[in-house]
Amino acid sequence: MSFCSARPAFRRAFVAALACLLTFPAAVSLSAQAPVATFHVTTRIVVLDVVVKDKKGNIITNLSKNDFTVLEDRQPQTIRTFEPPSAHVMPPDTANQLVVTSAADLPKIGDAPITILVLDELNTQFSDMAYARHELEKYLLAQPDILKQPTALLVASNTRFQLLQDFTQKRADVLSALKKHFPEYPWKLQQSGKSGPGAAERIAQSMASLLQIAEATRGTRGRKNVIWVGVNAPGVDLVGADPVTIKVMGDLTRRLTQTLLADRVTLNYINPTANDSSTVGLMVGDDDDATMVDTDPFGADVDFNQFAPATGGQILFSRNDIDAEIKTTIDQGSNYYTLSYSPTNANEDAAKYRNIRIKMSNPDLIAVTREGYYPESANANNSAADTTLTEDQRKKFLQLDLSQAATSTIEYNGLPITAKPGPDAATWTITVPANTLSWTPRTDGSLFAEVTSMSVAFDKPAKDGKSHLLAHQAKEVQAVRKVGEAPPDLVEFQVPVTIPKGAKRLRFVIRDAVSGKIGTADAMLP
C-alpha cells in the first residue's frame, strides 16, 4: 500500500476538501440538532458477522456456539446470541424465484445479505477500469438469470457517486446497466496523482461515498457486502500532522468505521492493476495470545484499504481472475455466523479502539470478522447529537448527512417514508411508520418525535444522470403523542416545498433527530 505524505500542503488540502463535502450545494440554514433527553442504557451489545474457513479456503457452515471464543482486548467475552449461516438465507419459499427488483423490495428478504458492486473510476487508470469492467461482466455472465442475492451497481467518478442499477435479482438488468455506462476519464487522478489538493479531495470523496452506502442501506437488516473494484484512494499519514487535521480525520474515521460496523457493512476491496498478486486483510487462526497485537488501525495513518479488514472484509491485489474473486467474496459474504456479546469493559472512551479476536476450538479453522470498534459514545450513527463534538462540528455532520441523501440517486431506507401532495401547493405530506421513529418523553408525560425534513427540486429524473438542483427547503418538525394516547400506526409530517420553473422531480429527506436514521422518497412532477 502507498500512503500520501503528511506534508502541510496536503493536510490543508484534505481539510479543505472535507469542508467542501460538508457544505450543501446551495446556501442552507440548519441548526445542529441539540441532544434530547433520553434514557441511557449502560449495556452495549457488539454484533459480529463471522465467516469461517478451513486452511484450503472452504467455507464451514456446520459449527455451534461452543466452537467460538470471542476476545476483546484479549479478554474472553460471553457470547449472548448465536445464529448459524442458515439463519441468513433468502426466504425458503422464494428459492429460485424473483423477489427483489428495487430497493423497495428489500424488506421481503428478512435477514438475508445483499451485494453492492462499486466501480471506482475516481482513483483508477482508464485501462485498469476497462479490465475491471470486463471481469465484472464475465462474472455476471456466469451467474443464473435470477441472482442468489439482491445486487446493486454503483460507480464512484470524478464528480458523483451514482447508482447505475438499483437492487435487483435480475442478472440481465445489472448487465445492461454495466454495458450502458460509459466511464469518465479520471482527470482528478491525472492532475494530482498521489499528492496535492486533488488527491486530498479524492480520499475525502471515497470516504464520503462509503459512508453514504452505510446510511442508505441502514434499514436493511442483513449483512451488506460491498465489493469495491479499483485502485485505492491516496492515504493520509497522520504522523506529525497538525492538530486540526488529526481532529478532522479522527472524527470522520471514527464515525465512518463505527457506522459501517453498526450497519453491518463489510468492505471487500479488489485492485485490478497488474502487479504481484497478494491477498491481505484476513484474520488468521492463532491461539497464541502473545502474538496478538492490539493497535488502532487508524492511529498513525488513514488508508482506504484499512476499512476492509476493519469491517471483516479482505483486500485482493493484482489478480488475473477478478471474476472468480468476486464470486468467492460474494459466497463468503453469504455464509456467515452472527454472534453478539456485551463487553466486560465499561469504559466509554470514544477514542479508544477495542480490538477483537476470535479463537476457534479447531485450530485448523480461520475466523474472519471485524478487527475491532470504537465505543458507542462516539455516537457514530448520529453525530449531530454527539455532545463530544462542538456545535459547529455537529452542524457540519448534519449538513453532510442531509446533502448526501438529498443529492444522491440512491434510495435511503433507514426510515420507510412515502410522499404525497399536501393540503396546498406549497406543502407535501410525508408519512412515516410510528414505530420507526424515536419517541422522547416530556416532563408532562407526553411523547414527541423530532425530525429534520428537506425537500429538493431537480430538473431531471434520477435515472437521467446529471440532474441539477433547482431549489430546496429544510425544516425541523415534531410529532406529539398526548398523555395516555395510543401509539398511531403512521405519523404525518407537513413539509414545505419550493417548485421552481423547470422542476421535474422532488426528493424528500427525513432524518430522525435521535437515531440519525434517514429515509428518502422521490416524486415526479407533471
Protein backbone atom coordinates (compact mmCIF):
# COMPACT_ATOMS: atom_id res chain seq x y z
CA MET A 1 0.00 0.00 0.00
CA SER A 2 1.21 3.52 -0.66
CA PHE A 3 0.45 6.44 1.56
CA CYS A 4 0.41 10.14 0.83
CA SER A 5 2.92 12.16 2.75
CA ALA A 6 1.66 14.24 5.64
CA ARG A 7 3.10 17.39 4.10
CA PRO A 8 1.34 20.51 5.44
CA ALA A 9 0.07 21.43 1.96
CA PHE A 10 -1.61 18.04 1.51
CA ARG A 11 -3.10 18.13 5.00
CA ARG A 12 -4.53 21.58 4.43
CA ALA A 13 -5.92 20.43 1.10
CA PHE A 14 -7.61 17.44 2.73
CA VAL A 15 -9.27 19.58 5.39
CA ALA A 16 -10.43 22.00 2.67
CA ALA A 17 -11.77 19.12 0.56
CA LEU A 18 -13.62 17.66 3.52
CA ALA A 19 -15.06 21.06 4.37
CA CYS A 20 -16.33 21.27 0.79
CA LEU A 21 -18.06 17.90 1.16
CA LEU A 22 -19.67 19.11 4.37
CA THR A 23 -21.30 22.04 2.59
CA PHE A 24 -24.66 21.79 0.85
CA PRO A 25 -24.54 22.74 -2.87
CA ALA A 26 -26.75 25.76 -2.25
CA ALA A 27 -26.91 28.05 0.76
CA VAL A 28 -28.71 26.33 3.60
CA SER A 29 -29.51 27.38 7.13
CA LEU A 30 -29.51 24.46 9.54
CA SER A 31 -29.11 24.44 13.27
CA ALA A 32 -27.39 21.43 14.77
CA GLN A 33 -29.94 19.19 16.39
CA ALA A 34 -29.45 19.58 20.12
CA PRO A 35 -29.18 16.39 22.13
CA VAL A 36 -32.53 15.44 23.63
CA ALA A 37 -33.24 13.79 26.95
CA THR A 38 -33.03 10.02 26.66
CA PHE A 39 -32.87 7.03 28.98
CA HIS A 40 -29.29 5.76 28.94
CA VAL A 41 -28.75 2.02 28.74
CA THR A 42 -25.36 1.00 30.06
CA THR A 43 -25.29 -2.41 28.37
CA ARG A 44 -23.61 -2.24 24.97
CA ILE A 45 -24.13 -5.08 22.53
CA VAL A 46 -21.45 -5.83 19.93
CA VAL A 47 -22.65 -7.79 16.90
CA LEU A 48 -20.16 -9.79 14.84
CA ASP A 49 -20.70 -11.36 11.43
CA VAL A 50 -18.13 -14.15 11.16
CA VAL A 51 -17.03 -16.21 8.15
CA VAL A 52 -15.23 -19.46 8.99
CA LYS A 53 -12.94 -21.25 6.54
CA ASP A 54 -10.55 -24.14 6.67
CA LYS A 55 -6.94 -23.83 5.55
CA LYS A 56 -7.91 -24.68 1.97
CA GLY A 57 -10.36 -21.82 1.84
CA ASN A 58 -13.51 -23.93 2.07
CA ILE A 59 -16.38 -22.24 3.92
CA ILE A 60 -17.52 -24.07 7.06
CA THR A 61 -21.21 -23.73 7.93
CA ASN A 62 -21.97 -26.51 10.48
CA LEU A 63 -20.42 -25.13 13.68
CA SER A 64 -22.03 -24.44 17.05
CA LYS A 65 -21.68 -21.67 19.61
CA ASN A 66 -19.17 -23.73 21.58
CA ASP A 67 -16.73 -23.69 18.66
CA PHE A 68 -16.14 -19.92 19.12
CA THR A 69 -14.34 -17.89 21.76
CA VAL A 70 -14.55 -14.10 21.44
CA LEU A 71 -11.77 -11.93 22.84
CA GLU A 72 -11.98 -8.15 23.24
CA ASP A 73 -8.61 -6.60 24.07
CA ARG A 74 -7.53 -10.16 24.89
CA GLN A 75 -10.28 -10.63 27.49
CA PRO A 76 -12.76 -13.50 26.91
CA GLN A 77 -16.36 -12.41 26.37
CA THR A 78 -19.62 -14.27 26.95
CA ILE A 79 -21.47 -14.95 23.70
CA ARG A 80 -25.08 -13.89 24.24
CA THR A 81 -26.67 -14.83 20.91
CA PHE A 82 -25.61 -17.14 18.11
CA GLU A 83 -27.02 -17.56 14.60
CA PRO A 84 -25.72 -20.09 12.06
CA PRO A 85 -25.44 -19.31 8.34
CA SER A 86 -28.82 -20.98 7.75
CA ALA A 87 -30.46 -18.03 9.56
CA HIS A 88 -29.34 -15.62 6.84
CA VAL A 89 -30.68 -17.16 3.65
CA MET A 90 -33.39 -15.88 1.33
CA PRO A 91 -36.90 -16.84 2.46
CA PRO A 92 -37.24 -20.61 1.87
CA ASP A 93 -40.42 -20.32 -0.17
CA THR A 94 -38.73 -17.98 -2.66
CA ALA A 95 -35.89 -20.22 -3.80
CA ASN A 96 -35.08 -19.63 -7.48
CA GLN A 97 -37.83 -17.01 -7.67
CA LEU A 98 -37.61 -13.31 -8.44
CA VAL A 99 -38.11 -11.48 -5.15
CA VAL A 100 -36.28 -8.15 -5.45
CA THR A 101 -36.47 -5.74 -8.39
CA SER A 102 -35.82 -2.49 -6.44
CA ALA A 103 -34.75 -1.29 -3.01
CA ALA A 104 -38.44 -1.14 -2.07
CA ASP A 105 -38.50 -4.97 -2.13
CA LEU A 106 -35.64 -5.44 0.36
CA PRO A 107 -37.92 -5.85 3.42
CA LYS A 108 -39.14 -9.10 1.82
CA ILE A 109 -35.78 -10.84 2.30
CA GLY A 110 -35.57 -10.56 6.10
CA ASP A 111 -32.02 -11.15 7.38
CA ALA A 112 -30.58 -12.30 4.05
CA PRO A 113 -27.47 -10.42 2.83
CA ILE A 114 -27.26 -8.03 -0.11
CA THR A 115 -24.43 -7.31 -2.55
CA ILE A 116 -23.25 -3.82 -3.56
CA LEU A 117 -20.83 -3.65 -6.50
CA VAL A 118 -18.83 -0.41 -6.82
CA LEU A 119 -16.67 0.59 -9.78
CA ASP A 120 -14.06 3.13 -8.68
CA GLU A 121 -13.43 5.45 -11.65
CA LEU A 122 -12.18 8.22 -9.38
CA ASN A 123 -8.83 6.64 -8.45
CA THR A 124 -8.27 4.13 -11.28
CA GLN A 125 -6.48 4.47 -14.61
CA PHE A 126 -8.68 4.15 -17.70
CA SER A 127 -7.03 0.90 -18.84
CA ASP A 128 -7.48 -0.72 -15.43
CA MET A 129 -11.12 0.38 -15.37
CA ALA A 130 -11.70 -1.33 -18.72
CA TYR A 131 -10.22 -4.57 -17.38
CA ALA A 132 -12.29 -4.37 -14.20
CA ARG A 133 -15.49 -3.87 -16.20
CA HIS A 134 -14.62 -6.83 -18.41
CA GLU A 135 -14.05 -9.08 -15.39
CA LEU A 136 -17.28 -7.94 -13.73
CA GLU A 137 -19.20 -8.69 -16.92
CA LYS A 138 -17.51 -12.10 -17.07
CA TYR A 139 -18.65 -12.84 -13.51
CA LEU A 140 -22.24 -11.79 -14.22
CA LEU A 141 -22.46 -13.88 -17.40
CA ALA A 142 -21.55 -16.96 -15.35
CA GLN A 143 -24.44 -16.39 -12.93
CA PRO A 144 -28.02 -17.69 -13.27
CA ASP A 145 -30.74 -15.44 -14.69
CA ILE A 146 -32.03 -14.88 -11.16
CA LEU A 147 -29.19 -13.82 -8.86
CA LYS A 148 -28.96 -15.50 -5.47
CA GLN A 149 -28.66 -12.13 -3.73
CA PRO A 150 -30.21 -8.73 -4.37
CA THR A 151 -27.45 -6.79 -6.13
CA ALA A 152 -26.90 -3.09 -6.81
CA LEU A 153 -24.30 -1.48 -9.09
CA LEU A 154 -22.74 1.92 -8.34
CA VAL A 155 -19.92 3.98 -9.72
CA ALA A 156 -17.62 6.49 -7.98
CA SER A 157 -16.40 9.05 -10.52
CA ASN A 158 -14.78 12.48 -10.56
CA THR A 159 -17.98 14.34 -9.89
CA ARG A 160 -20.51 11.98 -8.29
CA PHE A 161 -21.35 8.71 -6.61
CA GLN A 162 -24.01 7.31 -8.90
CA LEU A 163 -26.44 4.41 -8.77
CA LEU A 164 -26.30 2.58 -12.11
CA GLN A 165 -28.68 -0.23 -11.13
CA ASP A 166 -30.98 -0.39 -8.12
CA PHE A 167 -31.15 -3.59 -6.08
CA THR A 168 -32.38 -6.46 -8.21
CA GLN A 169 -32.08 -10.18 -8.71
CA LYS A 170 -32.37 -9.81 -12.47
CA ARG A 171 -28.93 -10.56 -13.84
CA ALA A 172 -29.94 -9.01 -17.18
CA ASP A 173 -30.66 -5.66 -15.54
CA VAL A 174 -27.22 -5.48 -13.87
CA LEU A 175 -25.52 -6.48 -17.12
CA SER A 176 -27.50 -3.91 -19.08
CA ALA A 177 -26.60 -1.12 -16.66
CA LEU A 178 -22.92 -2.09 -16.82
CA LYS A 179 -22.87 -2.10 -20.63
CA LYS A 180 -24.73 1.19 -20.97
CA HIS A 181 -22.42 3.07 -18.63
CA PHE A 182 -19.54 4.91 -20.28
CA PRO A 183 -16.78 5.57 -17.73
CA GLU A 184 -15.49 9.05 -17.06
CA TYR A 185 -11.87 9.83 -17.77
CA PRO A 186 -10.13 10.08 -14.34
CA TRP A 187 -8.97 13.65 -14.73
CA LYS A 188 -8.62 14.27 -11.00
CA LEU A 189 -6.21 11.34 -10.80
CA GLN A 190 -4.24 12.58 -13.81
CA GLN A 191 -3.97 16.09 -12.43
CA SER A 192 -2.96 15.24 -8.87
CA GLY A 193 -1.56 11.72 -8.70
CA LYS A 194 -0.84 10.78 -5.08
CA SER A 195 -0.43 14.25 -3.62
CA GLY A 196 -1.85 17.74 -3.68
CA PRO A 197 -5.38 19.13 -3.42
CA GLY A 198 -6.81 16.69 -5.96
CA ALA A 199 -5.55 13.67 -4.03
CA ALA A 200 -6.96 15.07 -0.82
CA GLU A 201 -10.31 15.59 -2.47
CA ARG A 202 -10.34 12.02 -3.82
CA ILE A 203 -9.83 10.36 -0.45
CA ALA A 204 -12.47 12.63 1.09
CA GLN A 205 -14.88 11.69 -1.72
CA SER A 206 -14.15 7.97 -1.32
CA MET A 207 -14.76 8.03 2.42
CA ALA A 208 -17.97 10.02 1.98
CA SER A 209 -19.20 7.51 -0.63
CA LEU A 210 -18.62 4.60 1.71
CA LEU A 211 -20.47 6.45 4.46
CA GLN A 212 -23.35 7.03 2.06
CA ILE A 213 -23.66 3.28 1.36
CA ALA A 214 -23.93 2.53 5.08
CA GLU A 215 -26.51 5.20 5.78
CA ALA A 216 -28.59 4.46 2.69
CA THR A 217 -28.94 0.75 3.49
CA ARG A 218 -29.38 1.13 7.24
CA GLY A 219 -32.96 -0.14 7.13
CA THR A 220 -31.89 -3.47 5.58
CA ARG A 221 -31.46 -6.00 8.38
CA GLY A 222 -28.91 -8.39 6.87
CA ARG A 223 -25.25 -8.04 6.05
CA LYS A 224 -24.26 -5.65 3.26
CA ASN A 225 -21.35 -6.99 1.22
CA VAL A 226 -19.61 -4.15 -0.62
CA ILE A 227 -17.22 -5.19 -3.41
CA TRP A 228 -15.18 -2.13 -4.35
CA VAL A 229 -13.22 -2.60 -7.57
CA GLY A 230 -10.50 -0.08 -8.31
CA VAL A 231 -7.22 1.44 -7.15
CA ASN A 232 -7.39 2.74 -3.60
CA ALA A 233 -7.64 6.42 -2.81
CA PRO A 234 -4.44 8.06 -1.53
CA GLY A 235 -3.83 7.69 2.19
CA VAL A 236 -3.13 10.33 4.81
CA ASP A 237 -0.15 9.90 7.12
CA LEU A 238 -1.02 11.48 10.48
CA VAL A 239 2.48 11.29 11.99
CA GLY A 240 3.50 14.87 12.63
CA ALA A 241 0.20 16.22 11.33
CA ASP A 242 -1.22 19.41 12.76
CA PRO A 243 -3.94 19.18 15.45
CA VAL A 244 -6.70 20.33 13.07
CA THR A 245 -6.00 17.55 10.58
CA ILE A 246 -5.73 14.92 13.32
CA LYS A 247 -9.04 16.07 14.80
CA VAL A 248 -10.88 16.17 11.44
CA MET A 249 -9.52 12.81 10.32
CA GLY A 250 -10.12 11.22 13.72
CA ASP A 251 -13.75 12.36 13.88
CA LEU A 252 -14.52 11.25 10.31
CA THR A 253 -12.66 7.94 10.59
CA ARG A 254 -14.33 7.01 13.87
CA ARG A 255 -17.71 7.93 12.51
CA LEU A 256 -17.23 6.04 9.24
CA THR A 257 -15.74 2.95 10.91
CA GLN A 258 -18.43 2.70 13.56
CA THR A 259 -21.24 3.40 11.08
CA LEU A 260 -20.01 0.65 8.78
CA LEU A 261 -19.92 -1.80 11.66
CA ALA A 262 -23.21 -0.74 13.26
CA ASP A 263 -24.98 -1.05 9.89
CA ARG A 264 -23.30 -4.41 9.15
CA VAL A 265 -21.39 -3.22 6.07
CA THR A 266 -18.38 -5.32 5.05
CA LEU A 267 -15.96 -3.80 2.56
CA ASN A 268 -14.04 -6.05 0.18
CA TYR A 269 -11.51 -4.24 -1.96
CA ILE A 270 -10.25 -5.60 -5.31
CA ASN A 271 -7.37 -3.80 -7.02
CA PRO A 272 -7.29 -4.65 -10.77
CA THR A 273 -3.77 -3.41 -11.54
CA ALA A 274 -1.27 -5.94 -12.86
CA ASN A 275 1.42 -6.19 -10.21
CA ASP A 276 2.46 -9.03 -7.91
CA SER A 277 -0.56 -10.95 -6.64
CA SER A 278 -1.33 -10.80 -2.95
CA THR A 279 -4.19 -11.07 -0.52
CA VAL A 280 -4.26 -9.26 2.81
CA GLY A 281 -6.76 -8.46 5.49
CA LEU A 282 -7.59 -11.95 6.73
CA MET A 283 -7.63 -12.85 10.41
CA VAL A 284 -5.52 -15.94 10.91
CA GLY A 285 -6.26 -18.76 13.28
CA ASP A 286 -3.73 -18.29 16.07
CA ASP A 287 -4.28 -19.35 19.65
CA ASP A 288 -1.13 -17.71 21.00
CA ASP A 289 -2.16 -14.55 22.86
CA ALA A 290 1.44 -13.38 22.84
CA THR A 291 1.31 -12.92 19.07
CA MET A 292 -1.79 -10.71 19.18
CA VAL A 293 -1.04 -7.04 18.62
CA ASP A 294 -3.65 -4.63 19.99
CA THR A 295 -3.48 -1.48 17.92
CA ASP A 296 -5.72 1.18 16.43
CA PRO A 297 -5.51 0.58 12.64
CA PHE A 298 -6.27 4.27 12.06
CA GLY A 299 -3.99 5.66 14.75
CA ALA A 300 -0.98 6.63 12.60
CA ASP A 301 -2.49 6.91 9.13
CA VAL A 302 -5.78 6.64 7.29
CA ASP A 303 -5.77 4.48 4.19
CA PHE A 304 -8.93 3.48 2.34
CA ASN A 305 -7.73 -0.12 2.25
CA GLN A 306 -7.85 -0.34 6.03
CA PHE A 307 -11.64 -0.22 6.06
CA ALA A 308 -11.70 -3.71 4.50
CA PRO A 309 -10.10 -5.76 7.31
CA ALA A 310 -11.56 -3.37 9.88
CA THR A 311 -15.06 -4.41 8.76
CA GLY A 312 -14.32 -8.12 8.31
CA GLY A 313 -13.55 -7.96 4.59
CA GLN A 314 -10.39 -8.57 2.61
CA ILE A 315 -8.11 -6.85 0.12
CA LEU A 316 -7.20 -8.54 -3.15
CA PHE A 317 -4.34 -7.15 -5.24
CA SER A 318 -3.38 -7.79 -8.82
CA ARG A 319 -5.31 -10.95 -9.52
CA ASN A 320 -5.83 -12.15 -13.08
CA ASP A 321 -9.08 -13.87 -12.06
CA ILE A 322 -11.11 -10.97 -10.72
CA ASP A 323 -14.35 -12.64 -11.83
CA ALA A 324 -13.54 -15.66 -9.65
CA GLU A 325 -12.54 -13.42 -6.73
CA ILE A 326 -15.83 -11.54 -6.97
CA LYS A 327 -17.69 -14.85 -6.81
CA THR A 328 -15.62 -16.10 -3.87
CA THR A 329 -16.10 -12.86 -1.98
CA ILE A 330 -19.88 -12.94 -2.50
CA ASP A 331 -20.06 -16.60 -1.45
CA GLN A 332 -18.14 -15.84 1.74
CA GLY A 333 -20.35 -12.86 2.46
CA SER A 334 -23.43 -15.06 2.13
CA ASN A 335 -22.35 -17.77 4.57
CA TYR A 336 -21.67 -16.21 7.93
CA TYR A 337 -22.41 -16.73 11.59
CA THR A 338 -23.73 -13.87 13.71
CA LEU A 339 -22.58 -13.63 17.33
CA SER A 340 -23.22 -10.94 19.90
CA TYR A 341 -21.73 -10.15 23.29
CA SER A 342 -21.83 -7.45 25.95
CA PRO A 343 -18.27 -6.17 26.59
CA THR A 344 -16.88 -6.62 30.08
CA ASN A 345 -15.01 -3.31 29.75
CA ALA A 346 -17.39 -0.50 30.74
CA ASN A 347 -15.01 2.33 29.74
CA GLU A 348 -16.82 4.73 27.36
CA ASP A 349 -13.73 6.43 25.90
CA ALA A 350 -14.84 7.04 22.32
CA ALA A 351 -11.28 7.47 21.07
CA LYS A 352 -10.02 4.13 22.41
CA TYR A 353 -10.14 1.42 19.77
CA ARG A 354 -11.26 -2.00 21.04
CA ASN A 355 -9.50 -4.95 19.37
CA ILE A 356 -11.49 -8.12 18.64
CA ARG A 357 -10.16 -11.61 18.02
CA ILE A 358 -11.96 -14.93 17.64
CA LYS A 359 -10.39 -18.23 18.63
CA MET A 360 -11.73 -21.43 17.14
CA SER A 361 -11.85 -24.67 19.12
CA ASN A 362 -10.43 -26.30 15.99
CA PRO A 363 -7.04 -24.63 15.31
CA ASP A 364 -7.26 -25.61 11.65
CA LEU A 365 -10.16 -23.20 11.12
CA ILE A 366 -9.86 -19.48 10.37
CA ALA A 367 -12.42 -16.93 11.57
CA VAL A 368 -12.80 -13.69 9.61
CA THR A 369 -14.65 -10.81 11.26
CA ARG A 370 -14.21 -7.15 12.12
CA GLU A 371 -10.89 -6.17 13.71
CA GLY A 372 -12.48 -4.01 16.38
CA TYR A 373 -14.58 -0.94 17.04
CA TYR A 374 -14.78 2.42 18.76
CA PRO A 375 -17.18 2.56 21.73
CA GLU A 376 -20.69 3.78 21.04
CA SER A 377 -20.06 7.00 22.92
CA ALA A 378 -18.55 8.10 19.60
CA ASN A 379 -22.24 8.31 18.58
CA ALA A 380 -21.40 7.25 15.05
CA ASN A 381 -24.98 6.88 13.90
CA ASN A 382 -25.95 10.38 14.97
CA SER A 383 -23.00 12.74 15.15
CA ALA A 384 -25.45 15.67 15.01
CA ALA A 385 -26.40 14.79 18.60
CA ASP A 386 -22.90 13.89 19.85
CA THR A 387 -22.02 16.00 22.89
CA THR A 388 -18.31 15.23 22.43
CA LEU A 389 -18.36 17.38 19.27
CA THR A 390 -18.64 21.14 19.06
CA GLU A 391 -21.87 22.69 17.81
CA ASP A 392 -20.13 23.61 14.56
CA GLN A 393 -18.95 20.02 14.05
CA ARG A 394 -22.43 18.65 14.76
CA LYS A 395 -23.88 21.12 12.26
CA LYS A 396 -21.38 20.05 9.59
CA PHE A 397 -22.12 16.35 10.07
CA LEU A 398 -25.84 17.10 9.85
CA GLN A 399 -25.21 19.01 6.61
CA LEU A 400 -23.20 16.08 5.26
CA ASP A 401 -25.98 13.60 6.05
CA LEU A 402 -28.70 15.73 4.50
CA SER A 403 -26.77 16.90 1.44
CA GLN A 404 -25.66 13.38 0.51
CA ALA A 405 -29.17 11.98 0.92
CA ALA A 406 -30.73 14.90 -0.96
CA THR A 407 -28.45 14.81 -3.98
CA SER A 408 -27.98 11.04 -4.19
CA THR A 409 -29.71 8.75 -6.68
CA ILE A 410 -29.70 6.01 -4.02
CA GLU A 411 -32.84 5.33 -2.02
CA TYR A 412 -32.26 5.66 1.74
CA ASN A 413 -34.28 3.12 3.74
CA GLY A 414 -33.31 3.91 7.34
CA LEU A 415 -36.84 5.28 7.66
CA PRO A 416 -39.52 3.90 5.30
CA ILE A 417 -41.29 7.05 4.11
CA THR A 418 -43.90 7.91 1.49
CA ALA A 419 -44.72 11.30 -0.03
CA LYS A 420 -47.94 12.75 -1.47
CA PRO A 421 -49.21 16.27 -2.27
CA GLY A 422 -50.36 18.10 0.84
CA PRO A 423 -53.24 20.45 1.61
CA ASP A 424 -51.83 23.24 -0.58
CA ALA A 425 -49.36 23.75 -3.43
CA ALA A 426 -46.55 24.73 -1.06
CA THR A 427 -46.80 21.64 1.15
CA TRP A 428 -46.35 17.87 0.80
CA THR A 429 -47.35 15.23 3.33
CA ILE A 430 -44.66 12.77 4.38
CA THR A 431 -45.81 9.58 6.12
CA VAL A 432 -43.54 7.56 8.44
CA PRO A 433 -44.39 4.39 10.44
CA ALA A 434 -44.58 5.48 14.06
CA ASN A 435 -42.57 2.52 15.34
CA THR A 436 -39.53 3.55 13.25
CA LEU A 437 -39.25 6.96 14.95
CA SER A 438 -37.55 7.78 18.26
CA TRP A 439 -40.12 8.93 20.84
CA THR A 440 -38.80 11.06 23.70
CA PRO A 441 -40.75 11.68 26.94
CA ARG A 442 -41.57 15.18 28.15
CA THR A 443 -41.99 16.23 31.77
CA ASP A 444 -45.79 16.23 31.38
CA GLY A 445 -45.80 12.56 30.29
CA SER A 446 -46.40 13.21 26.59
CA LEU A 447 -44.02 11.95 23.91
CA PHE A 448 -42.54 13.67 20.89
CA ALA A 449 -40.57 12.63 17.81
CA GLU A 450 -38.40 15.23 16.09
CA VAL A 451 -37.10 15.03 12.54
CA THR A 452 -35.29 17.27 10.11
CA SER A 453 -37.13 17.38 6.80
CA MET A 454 -35.77 18.52 3.47
CA SER A 455 -37.45 18.92 0.10
CA VAL A 456 -35.30 19.28 -3.02
CA ALA A 457 -36.35 20.09 -6.60
CA PHE A 458 -34.39 18.82 -9.64
CA ASP A 459 -34.65 19.46 -13.35
CA LYS A 460 -34.38 15.79 -14.41
CA PRO A 461 -35.42 12.32 -13.26
CA ALA A 462 -32.79 10.49 -11.22
CA LYS A 463 -32.27 7.87 -13.95
CA ASP A 464 -31.19 10.57 -16.41
CA GLY A 465 -27.93 11.05 -14.56
CA LYS A 466 -26.63 14.57 -14.09
CA SER A 467 -29.65 16.46 -12.83
CA HIS A 468 -29.34 19.97 -11.42
CA LEU A 469 -30.60 21.06 -8.03
CA LEU A 470 -33.00 23.96 -8.51
CA ALA A 471 -34.30 24.66 -5.01
CA HIS A 472 -34.54 23.18 -1.54
CA GLN A 473 -36.04 23.81 1.88
CA ALA A 474 -35.11 22.37 5.27
CA LYS A 475 -37.12 22.43 8.46
CA GLU A 476 -37.23 20.75 11.85
CA VAL A 477 -40.69 19.36 12.65
CA GLN A 478 -42.19 17.37 15.51
CA ALA A 479 -44.95 14.86 16.09
CA VAL A 480 -46.55 14.71 19.56
CA ARG A 481 -48.40 11.93 21.38
CA LYS A 482 -50.55 13.17 24.23
CA VAL A 483 -50.55 11.58 27.67
CA GLY A 484 -52.35 8.23 27.53
CA GLU A 485 -52.78 8.39 23.75
CA ALA A 486 -52.40 5.06 21.96
CA PRO A 487 -49.44 4.91 19.58
CA PRO A 488 -50.50 5.53 15.97
CA ASP A 489 -49.57 3.26 13.07
CA LEU A 490 -48.40 6.18 10.93
CA VAL A 491 -47.19 9.71 11.57
CA GLU A 492 -47.69 12.53 9.06
CA PHE A 493 -45.32 15.48 8.71
CA GLN A 494 -46.23 18.55 6.65
CA VAL A 495 -43.12 19.52 4.69
CA PRO A 496 -42.77 22.84 2.82
CA VAL A 497 -41.71 22.68 -0.84
CA THR A 498 -40.47 25.12 -3.45
CA ILE A 499 -41.21 24.09 -7.04
CA PRO A 500 -39.43 26.42 -9.47
CA LYS A 501 -40.00 26.57 -13.20
CA GLY A 502 -38.47 23.56 -14.98
CA ALA A 503 -38.62 21.25 -11.96
CA LYS A 504 -39.27 17.61 -12.93
CA ARG A 505 -38.56 15.72 -9.71
CA LEU A 506 -38.85 16.22 -5.97
CA ARG A 507 -36.79 14.33 -3.41
CA PHE A 508 -37.83 14.32 0.23
CA VAL A 509 -35.40 13.56 3.06
CA ILE A 510 -36.48 12.78 6.63
CA ARG A 511 -33.84 12.36 9.35
CA ASP A 512 -34.66 11.21 12.89
CA ALA A 513 -33.10 13.61 15.40
CA VAL A 514 -32.27 10.89 17.94
CA SER A 515 -31.28 7.81 15.93
CA GLY A 516 -29.91 9.62 12.87
CA LYS A 517 -31.86 7.25 10.59
CA ILE A 518 -32.65 8.71 7.17
CA GLY A 519 -35.41 7.93 4.69
CA THR A 520 -35.92 9.34 1.20
CA ALA A 521 -38.80 9.40 -1.26
CA ASP A 522 -38.89 10.66 -4.87
CA ALA A 523 -41.86 12.08 -6.73
CA MET A 524 -42.14 13.02 -10.39
CA LEU A 525 -43.79 16.30 -11.32
CA PRO A 526 -46.09 16.79 -14.33
